[in-house]
Protein backbone atom coordinates (compact mmCIF):
# COMPACT_ATOMS: atom_id res chain seq x y z
CA UNK A 1 93.32 11.86 -62.09
CA UNK A 2 94.41 8.43 -61.82
CA UNK A 3 97.10 9.15 -59.23
CA UNK A 4 94.26 10.45 -56.95
CA UNK A 5 92.02 7.34 -57.37
CA UNK A 6 94.37 4.85 -57.45
CA UNK A 7 93.86 3.76 -53.20
CA UNK A 8 90.68 3.97 -53.58
CA UNK A 9 90.19 1.51 -56.39
CA UNK A 10 92.84 -0.33 -54.93
CA UNK A 11 90.58 -0.76 -51.43
CA UNK A 12 87.55 -1.20 -53.76
CA UNK A 13 89.08 -4.06 -55.58
CA UNK A 14 89.68 -6.15 -52.14
CA UNK A 15 85.51 -5.99 -51.20
CA UNK A 16 84.27 -6.67 -55.06
CA UNK A 17 84.36 -9.87 -57.91
CA UNK A 18 85.51 -10.15 -60.68
CA UNK A 19 82.03 -10.04 -62.72
CA UNK A 20 81.48 -6.52 -60.58
CA UNK A 21 84.66 -4.81 -61.89
CA UNK A 22 83.43 -5.93 -65.57
CA UNK A 23 80.19 -4.08 -65.29
CA UNK A 24 81.80 -1.51 -63.82
CA UNK A 25 84.79 -0.68 -66.42
CA UNK A 26 81.66 -0.58 -68.71
CA UNK A 27 80.56 2.81 -67.33
CA UNK A 28 83.95 4.22 -65.68
CA UNK A 29 86.08 5.45 -68.10
CA UNK A 30 88.74 6.14 -65.37
CA UNK A 31 88.82 3.01 -64.22
CA UNK A 32 89.18 1.28 -67.80
CA UNK A 33 92.33 4.02 -67.96
CA UNK A 34 93.56 2.63 -64.47
CA UNK A 35 93.25 -1.00 -66.16
CA UNK A 36 94.97 -0.18 -69.35
CA UNK A 37 97.75 1.18 -67.62
CA UNK A 38 100.91 -1.86 -67.08
CA UNK A 39 102.17 -1.05 -63.76
CA UNK A 40 98.56 -0.69 -62.41
CA UNK A 41 97.60 -4.06 -63.93
CA UNK A 42 100.60 -5.90 -61.98
CA UNK A 43 99.91 -4.43 -58.65
CA UNK A 44 96.31 -5.65 -59.24
CA UNK A 45 97.65 -9.14 -60.04
CA UNK A 46 99.67 -8.84 -56.34
CA UNK A 47 96.60 -7.74 -55.00
CA UNK A 48 94.65 -10.77 -56.05
CA UNK A 49 97.70 -13.12 -55.34
CA UNK A 50 95.55 -14.56 -52.64
CA UNK A 51 92.37 -14.80 -54.73
CA UNK A 52 91.36 -17.96 -56.58
CA UNK A 53 92.93 -18.66 -59.79
CA UNK A 54 89.99 -18.72 -62.05
CA UNK A 55 89.24 -14.95 -61.22
CA UNK A 56 92.77 -13.94 -62.42
CA UNK A 57 92.22 -16.02 -65.61
CA UNK A 58 88.90 -13.82 -66.05
CA UNK A 59 90.63 -10.43 -64.16
CA UNK A 60 93.40 -11.07 -67.30
CA UNK A 61 90.69 -11.96 -69.70
CA UNK A 62 89.37 -8.73 -69.14
CA UNK A 63 91.82 -6.40 -69.50
CA UNK A 64 93.20 -7.84 -72.50
CA UNK A 65 90.10 -7.24 -74.08
CA UNK A 66 90.53 -3.50 -72.90
CA UNK A 67 93.63 -2.97 -74.04
CA UNK A 68 92.37 -4.34 -77.67
CA UNK A 69 90.46 -1.25 -77.80
CA UNK A 70 92.98 1.46 -79.81
CA UNK A 71 92.86 4.87 -78.43
CA UNK A 72 96.35 5.07 -80.97
CA UNK A 73 97.63 8.35 -81.60
CA UNK A 74 99.05 8.30 -85.25
CA UNK A 75 102.12 10.73 -85.77
CA UNK A 76 101.86 10.68 -89.47
CA UNK A 77 99.53 13.95 -88.89
CA UNK A 78 97.35 14.69 -91.82
CA UNK A 79 99.91 15.61 -95.26
CA UNK A 80 100.86 19.49 -95.88
CA UNK A 81 102.63 19.90 -98.88
CA UNK A 82 105.75 21.92 -98.29
CA UNK A 83 108.03 21.65 -101.56
CA UNK A 84 111.49 21.55 -100.81
CA UNK A 85 113.51 23.80 -103.77
CA UNK A 86 117.02 24.17 -105.23
CA UNK A 87 116.94 26.72 -107.88
CA UNK A 88 120.39 28.29 -108.19
CA UNK A 89 120.18 30.09 -111.71
CA UNK A 90 123.08 31.26 -114.13
CA UNK A 91 122.20 33.44 -117.04
CA UNK A 92 125.56 32.24 -118.86
CA UNK A 93 124.30 28.53 -119.42
CA UNK A 94 122.29 27.43 -121.89
CA UNK A 95 119.58 26.00 -120.02
CA UNK A 96 118.26 26.94 -116.25
CA UNK A 97 117.11 23.91 -114.58
CA UNK A 98 115.47 24.13 -110.87
CA UNK A 99 114.73 20.71 -108.79
CA UNK A 100 111.50 20.60 -106.56
CA UNK A 101 111.41 17.99 -104.36
CA UNK A 102 108.28 16.60 -101.55
CA UNK A 103 108.84 16.86 -98.02
CA UNK A 104 107.82 13.64 -97.30
CA UNK A 105 106.56 11.64 -93.97
CA UNK A 106 105.61 8.29 -93.78
CA UNK A 107 105.40 4.90 -91.66
CA UNK A 108 109.02 2.78 -92.42
CA UNK A 109 112.83 3.13 -92.75
CA UNK A 110 113.18 6.84 -94.10
CA UNK A 111 116.30 6.10 -95.68
CA UNK A 112 114.56 3.09 -98.10
CA UNK A 113 111.83 5.45 -98.73
CA UNK A 114 114.27 8.57 -100.27
CA UNK A 115 115.39 5.64 -102.87
CA UNK A 116 111.70 5.57 -104.04
CA UNK A 117 111.54 7.88 -106.97
CA UNK A 118 107.87 8.65 -106.06
CA UNK A 119 108.73 9.64 -102.25
CA UNK A 120 110.15 12.45 -103.52
CA UNK A 121 109.17 13.63 -107.01
CA UNK A 122 106.07 15.41 -107.41
CA UNK A 123 103.58 13.90 -110.38
CA UNK A 124 104.24 14.82 -113.85
CA UNK A 125 102.30 18.01 -114.39
CA UNK A 126 101.10 18.00 -110.60
CA UNK A 127 103.61 21.32 -110.64
CA UNK A 128 103.82 24.52 -112.68
CA UNK A 129 106.84 26.91 -112.90
CA UNK A 130 107.11 30.27 -113.81
CA UNK A 131 109.45 33.32 -113.44
CA UNK A 132 108.47 37.06 -114.05
CA UNK A 133 110.81 40.00 -113.91
CA UNK A 134 110.81 43.47 -112.60
CA UNK A 135 112.84 46.57 -113.01
CA UNK A 136 111.77 49.63 -110.70
CA UNK A 137 108.88 48.12 -110.15
CA UNK A 138 107.23 47.63 -113.45
CA UNK A 139 107.28 44.26 -114.91
CA UNK A 140 109.33 43.91 -118.50
CA UNK A 141 110.22 40.78 -119.87
CA UNK A 142 112.09 37.92 -117.95
CA UNK A 143 113.98 36.16 -121.14
CA UNK A 144 114.76 37.63 -124.80
CA UNK A 145 112.43 35.44 -125.94
CA UNK A 146 109.48 35.49 -123.40
CA UNK A 147 107.92 38.49 -121.20
CA UNK A 148 106.58 35.27 -118.26
CA UNK A 149 109.41 31.84 -118.63
CA UNK A 150 107.18 28.77 -117.57
CA UNK A 151 109.80 25.72 -116.93
CA UNK A 152 109.12 22.51 -118.69
CA UNK A 153 109.74 19.38 -116.78
CA UNK A 154 111.70 16.12 -117.40
CA UNK A 155 113.44 13.03 -115.61
CA UNK A 156 117.09 13.15 -115.17
CA UNK A 157 119.37 9.95 -113.70
CA UNK A 158 121.60 11.52 -111.26
CA UNK A 159 124.39 9.95 -109.04
CA UNK A 160 123.88 7.09 -106.84
CA UNK A 161 123.25 8.74 -103.30
CA UNK A 162 120.70 9.21 -100.14
CA UNK A 163 118.00 9.93 -102.50
CA UNK A 164 116.88 8.42 -105.81
CA UNK A 165 118.86 9.00 -108.74
CA UNK A 166 115.69 9.43 -110.82
CA UNK A 167 114.85 13.30 -109.87
CA UNK A 168 112.56 15.31 -112.14
CA UNK A 169 113.82 18.63 -113.09
CA UNK A 170 112.19 21.53 -114.29
CA UNK A 171 114.37 23.72 -116.80
CA UNK A 172 114.42 26.10 -120.05
CA UNK A 173 116.68 27.30 -122.37
CA UNK A 174 114.97 31.01 -122.23
CA UNK A 175 118.31 33.17 -122.40
CA UNK A 176 117.94 35.26 -118.72
CA UNK A 177 119.11 38.70 -118.33
CA UNK A 178 122.04 39.66 -116.35
CA UNK A 179 119.98 42.55 -114.29
CA UNK A 180 116.53 43.29 -112.95
CA UNK A 181 114.59 41.41 -109.87
CA UNK A 182 112.68 38.03 -110.82
CA UNK A 183 110.47 36.37 -108.70
CA UNK A 184 110.14 32.75 -108.96
CA UNK A 185 106.28 31.08 -108.81
CA UNK A 186 105.78 27.57 -108.09
CA UNK A 187 102.00 26.04 -108.26
CA UNK A 188 101.25 22.88 -107.29
CA UNK A 189 97.84 22.30 -109.65
CA UNK A 190 95.99 19.86 -107.08
CA UNK A 191 96.25 21.75 -103.81
CA UNK A 192 96.20 24.85 -105.47
CA UNK A 193 99.07 26.17 -103.54
CA UNK A 194 101.24 28.92 -104.55
CA UNK A 195 104.78 29.56 -103.41
CA UNK A 196 106.85 32.57 -104.11
CA UNK A 197 110.34 33.90 -104.09
CA UNK A 198 112.41 37.00 -105.14
CA UNK A 199 115.82 37.39 -106.29
CA UNK A 200 118.27 39.98 -108.30
CA UNK A 201 120.10 38.55 -111.49
CA UNK A 202 123.41 39.01 -111.60
CA UNK A 203 125.91 39.88 -113.99
CA UNK A 204 129.55 37.98 -114.41
CA UNK A 205 132.90 39.35 -113.17
CA UNK A 206 135.21 41.28 -115.33
CA UNK A 207 138.87 40.32 -116.45
CA UNK A 208 139.89 43.05 -118.89
CA UNK A 209 143.06 44.17 -117.44
CA UNK A 210 143.89 41.23 -115.25
CA UNK A 211 147.35 39.31 -115.33
CA UNK A 212 147.88 35.33 -116.66
CA UNK A 213 145.80 33.62 -117.29
CA UNK A 214 143.60 36.21 -117.97
CA UNK A 215 145.18 38.29 -120.04
CA UNK A 216 144.38 37.87 -123.79
CA UNK A 217 144.96 34.88 -126.98
CA UNK A 218 142.30 32.66 -125.45
CA UNK A 219 142.07 29.29 -127.15
CA UNK A 220 141.26 28.48 -129.76
CA UNK A 221 143.22 30.64 -131.25
CA UNK A 222 142.91 32.90 -134.45
CA UNK A 223 144.73 31.30 -137.28
CA UNK A 224 147.19 33.75 -137.46
CA UNK A 225 148.02 33.63 -134.04
CA UNK A 226 148.16 29.93 -133.62
CA UNK A 227 151.64 29.08 -133.49
CA UNK A 228 152.77 32.10 -131.32
CA UNK A 229 154.68 31.07 -127.94
CA UNK A 230 153.56 33.94 -126.10
CA UNK A 231 149.86 32.52 -126.32
CA UNK A 232 151.01 29.29 -124.97
CA UNK A 233 152.35 30.21 -121.92
CA UNK A 234 150.72 28.13 -119.06
CA UNK A 235 153.57 26.12 -117.03
CA UNK A 236 153.09 25.01 -113.20
CA UNK A 237 155.73 22.96 -113.43
CA UNK A 238 157.94 24.18 -110.70
CA UNK A 239 157.34 21.96 -107.79
CA UNK A 240 157.79 24.30 -104.54
CA UNK A 241 156.98 27.37 -106.27
CA UNK A 242 154.18 29.27 -104.97
CA UNK A 243 151.30 30.84 -107.88
CA UNK A 244 149.18 33.31 -107.59
CA UNK A 245 145.84 33.24 -109.92
CA UNK A 246 144.61 37.24 -109.16
CA UNK A 247 141.01 38.46 -110.22
CA UNK A 248 138.55 40.78 -109.08
CA UNK A 249 135.21 41.15 -107.71
CA UNK A 250 132.22 41.90 -109.91
CA UNK A 251 130.80 46.37 -109.83
CA UNK A 252 129.53 47.61 -107.16
CA UNK A 253 126.13 47.11 -106.16
CA UNK A 254 125.77 43.99 -108.21
CA UNK A 255 125.65 42.24 -104.89
CA UNK A 256 128.02 38.96 -105.42
CA UNK A 257 129.21 37.79 -102.11
CA UNK A 258 130.68 34.25 -102.92
CA UNK A 259 133.35 33.31 -105.63
CA UNK A 260 134.74 30.49 -106.35
CA UNK A 261 138.12 29.74 -108.84
CA UNK A 262 138.30 26.77 -110.46
CA UNK A 263 141.12 25.03 -113.15
CA UNK A 264 139.63 22.10 -115.66
CA UNK A 265 142.24 20.17 -117.08
CA UNK A 266 140.44 19.46 -120.30
CA UNK A 267 141.76 15.95 -122.28
CA UNK A 268 140.75 13.42 -124.77
CA UNK A 269 141.86 9.36 -125.13
CA UNK A 270 143.27 8.59 -128.11
CA UNK A 271 141.46 5.07 -128.84
CA UNK A 272 142.30 3.31 -131.88
CA UNK A 273 144.31 6.50 -132.85
CA UNK A 274 140.72 8.75 -133.09
CA UNK A 275 140.52 11.21 -130.53
CA UNK A 276 137.58 10.24 -128.07
CA UNK A 277 136.37 10.28 -124.25
CA UNK A 278 136.56 14.23 -124.22
CA UNK A 279 136.22 15.39 -120.15
CA UNK A 280 138.18 17.22 -117.85
CA UNK A 281 139.74 16.55 -114.00
CA UNK A 282 139.39 19.80 -111.76
CA UNK A 283 141.05 21.55 -109.50
CA UNK A 284 138.90 23.63 -107.34
CA UNK A 285 140.02 26.94 -104.91
CA UNK A 286 138.35 27.59 -101.61
CA UNK A 287 135.46 30.17 -101.31
CA UNK A 288 135.71 33.79 -101.48
CA UNK A 289 133.86 36.24 -99.70
CA UNK A 290 133.38 39.61 -100.87
CA UNK A 291 134.53 41.99 -98.51
CA UNK A 292 136.16 39.76 -96.25
CA UNK A 293 138.76 38.32 -98.55
CA UNK A 294 139.81 41.21 -101.07
CA UNK A 295 143.39 42.27 -100.64
CA UNK A 296 145.14 45.31 -102.36
CA UNK A 297 146.68 44.72 -105.38
CA UNK A 298 149.43 47.22 -106.47
CA UNK A 299 148.07 48.46 -109.91
CA UNK A 300 145.27 46.61 -109.67
CA UNK A 301 143.06 47.69 -106.23
CA UNK A 302 140.92 45.39 -104.40
CA UNK A 303 141.24 41.89 -105.59
CA UNK A 304 140.52 38.20 -104.94
CA UNK A 305 144.32 35.90 -104.68
CA UNK A 306 143.85 32.72 -105.34
CA UNK A 307 147.67 30.88 -104.30
CA UNK A 308 149.07 27.51 -104.98
CA UNK A 309 152.00 25.22 -105.09
CA UNK A 310 153.23 23.01 -108.26
CA UNK A 311 153.83 20.52 -106.30
CA UNK A 312 150.22 20.59 -104.64
CA UNK A 313 148.62 20.90 -108.02
CA UNK A 314 150.24 17.82 -109.33
CA UNK A 315 149.44 15.49 -106.57
CA UNK A 316 145.65 16.62 -107.02
CA UNK A 317 145.72 15.55 -110.58
CA UNK A 318 147.53 12.62 -109.87
CA UNK A 319 144.61 11.40 -107.72
CA UNK A 320 142.03 13.21 -110.34
CA UNK A 321 143.41 11.09 -112.91
CA UNK A 322 143.24 7.89 -110.59
CA UNK A 323 139.31 8.43 -110.72
CA UNK A 324 139.49 8.06 -114.58
CA UNK A 325 138.34 4.79 -116.06
CA UNK A 326 140.75 3.72 -119.08
CA UNK A 327 139.03 2.06 -122.10
CA UNK A 328 140.52 -1.24 -123.44
CA UNK A 329 141.71 0.32 -126.59
CA UNK A 330 143.35 3.02 -124.87
CA UNK A 331 146.65 4.55 -126.48
CA UNK A 332 147.35 7.83 -125.21
CA UNK A 333 145.79 10.50 -123.32
CA UNK A 334 146.41 14.46 -124.32
CA UNK A 335 145.78 17.51 -121.68
CA UNK A 336 145.42 19.92 -124.79
CA UNK A 337 143.76 22.77 -122.23
CA UNK A 338 142.79 24.64 -119.12
CA UNK A 339 139.92 26.00 -118.41
CA UNK A 340 139.64 29.03 -115.98
CA UNK A 341 136.27 29.53 -114.28
CA UNK A 342 135.23 32.02 -111.94
CA UNK A 343 132.03 31.36 -110.59
CA UNK A 344 130.17 34.18 -108.27
CA UNK A 345 126.49 33.87 -106.11
CA UNK A 346 124.48 36.09 -103.88
CA UNK A 347 124.59 36.67 -100.25
CA UNK A 348 121.63 34.37 -100.24
CA UNK A 349 123.64 31.39 -101.48
CA UNK A 350 126.44 32.15 -98.54
CA UNK A 351 123.53 32.18 -96.15
CA UNK A 352 122.26 28.77 -97.24
CA UNK A 353 125.70 27.04 -97.72
CA UNK A 354 125.95 28.21 -93.74
CA UNK A 355 122.79 26.57 -93.37
CA UNK A 356 124.20 22.89 -95.23
CA UNK A 357 127.47 22.86 -93.73
CA UNK A 358 127.88 20.56 -90.77
CA UNK A 359 127.53 21.76 -87.12
CA UNK A 360 130.23 21.73 -84.82
CA UNK A 361 128.04 22.15 -81.67
CA UNK A 362 127.10 19.29 -79.87
CA UNK A 363 123.43 19.66 -80.69
CA UNK A 364 123.56 18.93 -84.67
CA UNK A 365 120.18 20.19 -85.57
CA UNK A 366 120.12 23.34 -87.45
CA UNK A 367 116.73 24.91 -88.99
CA UNK A 368 115.87 24.56 -92.03
CA UNK A 369 116.65 27.43 -94.83
CA UNK A 370 113.95 28.90 -96.72
CA UNK A 371 113.84 32.43 -98.48
CA UNK A 372 110.15 31.94 -99.88
CA UNK A 373 107.62 34.38 -98.82
CA UNK A 374 106.14 33.12 -95.68
CA UNK A 375 108.40 30.15 -95.14
CA UNK A 376 105.59 28.34 -97.05
CA UNK A 377 108.42 26.20 -98.95
CA UNK A 378 112.33 24.99 -98.26
CA UNK A 379 115.20 25.75 -100.40
CA UNK A 380 116.81 28.73 -102.18
CA UNK A 381 115.93 30.93 -105.11
CA UNK A 382 119.27 33.00 -106.31
CA UNK A 383 121.27 33.56 -108.94
CA UNK A 384 124.95 32.73 -109.85
CA UNK A 385 127.23 34.06 -112.44
CA UNK A 386 130.22 32.34 -114.39
CA UNK A 387 132.85 33.86 -116.45
CA UNK A 388 135.29 31.21 -118.36
CA UNK A 389 138.28 31.34 -120.71
CA UNK A 390 140.72 28.77 -121.93
CA UNK A 391 144.28 28.36 -122.31
CA UNK A 392 146.63 26.85 -124.01
CA UNK A 393 149.50 24.42 -121.78
CA UNK A 394 153.33 24.87 -122.18
CA UNK A 395 154.60 21.91 -124.13
CA UNK A 396 157.62 21.68 -121.28
CA UNK A 397 154.40 22.14 -118.66
CA UNK A 398 152.82 18.93 -120.14
CA UNK A 399 156.25 16.75 -120.58
CA UNK A 400 156.49 17.54 -116.84
CA UNK A 401 153.29 16.04 -116.02
CA UNK A 402 154.36 13.00 -118.48
CA UNK A 403 157.63 12.03 -116.66
CA UNK A 404 156.91 13.14 -112.69
CA UNK A 405 154.72 11.40 -110.12
CA UNK A 406 151.85 11.02 -109.58
CA UNK A 407 150.97 11.81 -113.22
CA UNK A 408 152.90 9.88 -115.07
CA UNK A 409 151.20 6.87 -114.91
CA UNK A 410 148.43 7.50 -117.49
CA UNK A 411 149.87 7.59 -120.93
CA UNK A 412 149.80 11.20 -121.70
CA UNK A 413 151.43 12.34 -125.37
CA UNK A 414 154.60 13.91 -124.62
CA UNK A 415 156.68 16.70 -126.77
CA UNK A 416 160.07 16.71 -128.52
CA UNK A 417 161.32 13.75 -126.26
CA UNK A 418 163.55 10.90 -127.47
CA UNK A 419 162.54 7.53 -128.13
CA UNK A 420 164.11 4.51 -128.77
CA UNK A 421 160.80 2.99 -130.38
CA UNK A 422 158.12 4.30 -132.46
CA UNK A 423 155.32 3.80 -130.15
CA UNK A 424 151.93 4.31 -132.03
CA UNK A 425 150.56 7.81 -131.77
CA UNK A 426 152.84 9.32 -129.62
CA UNK A 427 156.41 9.07 -127.90
CA UNK A 428 157.67 6.48 -124.92
CA UNK A 429 157.17 8.30 -121.65
CA UNK A 430 160.32 8.52 -119.82
CA UNK A 431 160.06 6.80 -116.84
CA UNK A 432 158.75 8.31 -113.51
CA UNK A 433 160.58 10.77 -111.62
C-alpha cells in the first residue's frame, strides 16, 4: 500500500507547505505510516533540500512527534501456564521426588532470570500433585499406604548450574508397587489447569544364578561367614585383563528398555582415629538397550555384558579420588566395599534421553519432549528400577590400589605390608609403582 502511493505523495510534497502536511497527517493514516518509515523520511529530507531551513526543522519536529506515538508489538504475549516436569519414579527407593518448573518468558537476560528462584519455581501451595493406580482398568491402591498418593512439597539446595540452586520439589515417602498403570495428575490451584500422564510401573532385574559379582554371600555377611575367603573375592588388579560383568534383562512384558550398570567404591576417612566422611567414587558403564544390546551367553541365554580393563578402572578411580576433598585432620582412607547397581527404565525414558542429547545436525533446535496428555505440559512421567548388591574387596586389590599410580596418592589403608615405622591408624604405603 505504501509503495503504491509513494509517487503520489512525493509529487504532493513538492507542491504543499509543511503546515498543510501537518493538517493532512491528522486525517490520513497512510501518510502517517509513510512518514514513520525511516527510508521515506530520509527521501523527504532530500526532496526538501532546496526549501527553507525552517520548513525542514518544522517537518522534522512533526515526524518525531508522530513517531513518539507508540504502535509497539509486545512479543511477551499473555502468559500461558506450561509446566516442565521431571517425574521418574523408582519403587525401590524410600522417597519419590518430582521436579516441576515454570516455563518462563520475560524481558531481559534469560540466563540471569533462570538464576532467580521465583522464575522457575511455582509458589508454595500453587501446585497439587497426586498419583492413582489402575489394574485392568480398575482403580486400586497407588501405594501400600493409600489409594491415592498426594505429594508434599519442600525446597532443596541443588548443585550450582544454569538454573537457580533453590528448587521446589514434590515428594512422597509412600511405598509404590512394581506393577500396574499409574496416572500422574498435576493441578495448578490458581488457574485450575490440570496436566495428566500415564506410565507402567517396573520391577527390578533378577540376579539369581548369575556369576560374580552377583553370586551369593553379599556384604555385610552373617557372622558365620564373616571370615570366609570365598566371600571376599573381588579383585580387578590385573592391568591388561579384560573383566566382564554379566546380567540379564527383566522378565518379558515388564517394558524395561534402558539398562545401566555402575560400580560404587565406598570408602571412609579416619579423622583423629575415628571413621568419618562416608562416601563413594563411581564407575559407570554406557547404557545398554533391550533388545539391541543383548548377547548370547552359554548357559545363561540372552544377557547384557559390560566389559572393562583393569588399568582403565584404576585410572578412573584415580580421577574420581582426585576430586575428593581431603580434611585437615585426615589420617587414612579405607575402601571397604563395592556396590553394584543395575538401573532399568522404560522406552519413554529412552525417548527422553534421545531428545535431551545434543544434536549433531547444523540445525540444533529440537522439539521439546512430552508424554503428557494433549501435550499440555513438557517433560516426562515414567518409572525406573534399581537392583543393588554389596561385595567386599579382596585385600590384595586394596593393596594394589594403595601402591599403584594414580590411586596410590590418597593414603589408603593397606593390609599385611611391611613397614619401617608404625604409622597412626594403619600402615605406611609403599612407593608408587
